[in-house]
Protein backbone atom coordinates (compact mmCIF):
# COMPACT_ATOMS: atom_id res chain seq x y z
CA UNK A 1 -13.10 -6.37 6.44
CA UNK A 2 -16.85 -6.77 6.47
CA UNK A 3 -18.12 -3.68 4.69
CA UNK A 4 -21.69 -4.43 5.80
CA UNK A 5 -20.54 -3.49 9.31
CA UNK A 6 -18.95 -0.16 8.35
CA UNK A 7 -19.08 2.35 11.15
CA UNK A 8 -17.52 5.64 12.20
CA UNK A 9 -16.85 7.17 15.60
CA UNK A 10 -18.03 10.76 15.17
CA UNK A 11 -16.93 13.59 17.44
CA UNK A 12 -16.10 17.23 16.78
CA UNK A 13 -12.89 19.22 16.70
CA UNK A 14 -14.27 21.61 19.32
CA UNK A 15 -14.86 18.80 21.79
CA UNK A 16 -11.47 17.29 21.02
CA UNK A 17 -9.69 20.64 21.46
CA UNK A 18 -11.45 21.04 24.81
CA UNK A 19 -10.08 17.69 25.98
CA UNK A 20 -13.10 15.50 25.26
CA UNK A 21 -13.46 12.58 22.91
CA UNK A 22 -17.21 12.59 23.40
CA UNK A 23 -18.93 11.13 20.39
CA UNK A 24 -20.69 8.03 19.20
CA UNK A 25 -20.29 5.12 16.79
CA UNK A 26 -22.62 5.48 13.80
CA UNK A 27 -23.32 2.46 11.59
CA UNK A 28 -23.36 3.50 7.93
CA UNK A 29 -25.93 0.80 7.16
CA UNK A 30 -28.44 2.92 9.11
CA UNK A 31 -28.27 5.68 6.46
CA UNK A 32 -29.19 5.73 2.80
CA UNK A 33 -26.74 8.41 1.72
CA UNK A 34 -24.09 10.87 2.87
CA UNK A 35 -26.61 13.64 3.45
CA UNK A 36 -28.67 11.50 5.82
CA UNK A 37 -25.48 10.46 7.63
CA UNK A 38 -24.46 14.10 8.16
CA UNK A 39 -27.92 14.97 9.46
CA UNK A 40 -27.44 12.26 12.08
CA UNK A 41 -23.99 13.69 12.90
CA UNK A 42 -25.54 17.14 13.42
CA UNK A 43 -28.26 15.69 15.64
CA UNK A 44 -25.62 13.84 17.66
CA UNK A 45 -23.72 17.08 18.24
CA UNK A 46 -26.66 19.47 18.48
CA UNK A 47 -24.98 21.11 21.48
CA UNK A 48 -22.72 22.94 18.98
CA UNK A 49 -23.98 25.63 16.61
CA UNK A 50 -21.83 24.68 13.60
CA UNK A 51 -19.96 21.47 14.48
CA UNK A 52 -16.83 20.48 12.59
CA UNK A 53 -17.03 16.71 12.56
CA UNK A 54 -14.03 14.64 13.46
CA UNK A 55 -13.96 10.99 12.48
CA UNK A 56 -11.78 9.74 15.31
CA UNK A 57 -12.02 6.09 14.35
CA UNK A 58 -13.67 3.85 11.79
CA UNK A 59 -14.11 0.17 11.09
CA UNK A 60 -14.67 -1.84 7.92
CA UNK A 61 -14.18 1.11 5.58
CA UNK A 62 -11.44 1.21 2.91
CA UNK A 63 -8.93 3.94 3.79
CA UNK A 64 -9.46 5.58 0.39
CA UNK A 65 -12.97 6.58 1.47
CA UNK A 66 -12.35 8.32 4.79
CA UNK A 67 -9.96 10.46 6.78
CA UNK A 68 -10.17 12.30 10.08
CA UNK A 69 -12.11 15.18 8.52
CA UNK A 70 -13.35 13.86 5.17
CA UNK A 71 -15.79 11.31 3.83
CA UNK A 72 -15.88 10.40 0.15
CA UNK A 73 -18.89 11.62 -1.82
CA UNK A 74 -19.49 8.15 -3.21
CA UNK A 75 -18.97 6.17 -0.01
CA UNK A 76 -22.56 4.91 0.02
CA UNK A 77 -22.32 3.81 -3.63
CA UNK A 78 -19.12 1.93 -2.82
CA UNK A 79 -20.67 0.34 0.26
CA UNK A 80 -23.69 -0.80 -1.74
CA UNK A 81 -21.54 -2.21 -4.55
CA UNK A 82 -19.26 -4.01 -2.10
CA UNK A 83 -22.26 -5.42 -0.25
CA UNK A 84 -23.09 -7.20 -3.50
CA UNK A 85 -19.55 -8.62 -3.70
CA UNK A 86 -19.00 -11.97 -1.97
CA UNK A 87 -17.40 -11.41 1.42
CA UNK A 88 -14.41 -13.66 0.63
CA UNK A 89 -13.60 -11.39 -2.36
CA UNK A 90 -13.35 -8.15 -0.37
CA UNK A 91 -9.69 -8.60 0.59
CA UNK A 92 -8.48 -9.51 -2.91
CA UNK A 93 -10.61 -6.67 -4.32
CA UNK A 94 -8.93 -4.20 -1.97
CA UNK A 95 -5.47 -5.55 -2.91
CA UNK A 96 -6.36 -5.30 -6.59
CA UNK A 97 -7.55 -1.69 -6.24
CA UNK A 98 -4.36 -0.70 -4.43
CA UNK A 99 -2.06 -2.46 -6.91
CA UNK A 100 -3.92 -1.16 -9.95
CA UNK A 101 -3.98 2.36 -8.51
CA UNK A 102 -7.75 2.56 -8.61
CA UNK A 103 -9.33 5.16 -6.36
CA UNK A 104 -12.56 3.96 -4.76
CA UNK A 105 -13.33 7.52 -3.73
CA UNK A 106 -13.50 8.74 -7.34
CA UNK A 107 -14.20 5.79 -9.65
CA UNK A 108 -17.44 3.95 -10.33
CA UNK A 109 -17.42 1.01 -7.90
CA UNK A 110 -19.49 -1.26 -10.19
CA UNK A 111 -17.02 -0.73 -13.03
CA UNK A 112 -14.13 -1.49 -10.69
CA UNK A 113 -15.77 -4.70 -9.49
CA UNK A 114 -16.31 -5.77 -13.08
CA UNK A 115 -12.65 -5.11 -13.95
CA UNK A 116 -11.56 -6.92 -10.79
CA UNK A 117 -13.68 -9.97 -11.65
CA UNK A 118 -11.93 -10.14 -15.03
CA UNK A 119 -8.47 -10.01 -13.42
CA UNK A 120 -8.97 -12.16 -10.32
CA UNK A 121 -7.87 -15.80 -10.69
CA UNK A 122 -8.08 -17.17 -7.15
CA UNK A 123 -6.34 -17.92 -3.90
CA UNK A 124 -3.21 -20.08 -3.81
CA UNK A 125 -0.66 -21.04 -1.17
CA UNK A 126 2.17 -20.01 -3.51
CA UNK A 127 3.03 -19.01 -7.05
CA UNK A 128 4.25 -22.55 -7.59
CA UNK A 129 0.85 -23.99 -6.58
CA UNK A 130 -0.79 -21.80 -9.19
CA UNK A 131 1.72 -22.95 -11.83
CA UNK A 132 1.10 -26.58 -10.85
CA UNK A 133 -2.65 -26.13 -11.34
CA UNK A 134 -2.15 -24.56 -14.77
CA UNK A 135 0.03 -27.46 -15.89
CA UNK A 136 -2.43 -30.03 -14.56
CA UNK A 137 -5.33 -28.29 -16.35
CA UNK A 138 -3.51 -28.56 -19.66
CA UNK A 139 -3.39 -32.33 -19.41
CA UNK A 140 -0.74 -32.47 -22.15
CA UNK A 141 1.97 -34.03 -19.98
CA UNK A 142 1.91 -37.63 -18.83
CA UNK A 143 2.66 -38.57 -15.23
CA UNK A 144 6.29 -39.38 -16.07
CA UNK A 145 6.86 -35.92 -17.59
CA UNK A 146 5.12 -34.23 -14.67
CA UNK A 147 7.64 -35.83 -12.33
CA UNK A 148 10.41 -33.83 -14.03
CA UNK A 149 8.52 -30.63 -14.67
CA UNK A 150 10.09 -27.56 -13.04
CA UNK A 151 7.07 -25.82 -11.51
CA UNK A 152 9.18 -23.18 -9.79
CA UNK A 153 10.82 -22.06 -13.03
CA UNK A 154 7.44 -22.07 -14.78
CA UNK A 155 5.94 -19.98 -11.96
CA UNK A 156 8.82 -17.50 -12.24
CA UNK A 157 8.09 -17.10 -15.95
CA UNK A 158 4.33 -16.74 -15.40
CA UNK A 159 4.78 -13.97 -12.85
CA UNK A 160 7.31 -12.03 -14.93
CA UNK A 161 4.60 -11.21 -17.43
CA UNK A 162 0.94 -12.12 -17.36
CA UNK A 163 0.14 -12.64 -13.68
CA UNK A 164 0.84 -11.11 -10.28
CA UNK A 165 0.60 -12.49 -6.77
CA UNK A 166 -0.01 -10.87 -3.39
CA UNK A 167 -1.02 -12.26 0.00
CA UNK A 168 -1.98 -15.58 -1.56
CA UNK A 169 -4.10 -14.15 -4.38
CA UNK A 170 -3.38 -14.43 -8.10
CA UNK A 171 -4.46 -11.85 -10.67
CA UNK A 172 -3.95 -11.48 -14.41
CA UNK A 173 -1.83 -8.63 -15.62
CA UNK A 174 -4.39 -7.34 -18.12
């Protein structure tokens, strides 16, 4: 997901109910706030007196921020905050939010990013690879002892309490 390319296909319920999907893709980066975005939506559908907007599709927007008929009040704050986040961190950030039950539509996105940065460890092929790196960083075991070290058992213990793993990303359990 590249949040800098967030966009929404905007139509109206009236058009949809009359058998049309007539609308247009609007890039959120073209607008400074939700009010400006809705002004553009009204201009797009100026053939209706009081259009009820229907967001028929969207791209590069977290699902917590949009539905068919709703757009979060803080979507532009979230987009700005996430634009400042390195692109390779967007997926683990989204996983972290979902697993920590954080709601991007209601919480301060800068606070969430700060909490995420405290919890995010990195990307690993497996839990065992993470455990191996921890052991190697300690440097307390000689090469002979490392040959017999049970990385799988150590990984199991680490991820029972203290860490969690999803889609190749490791986080602390703080």
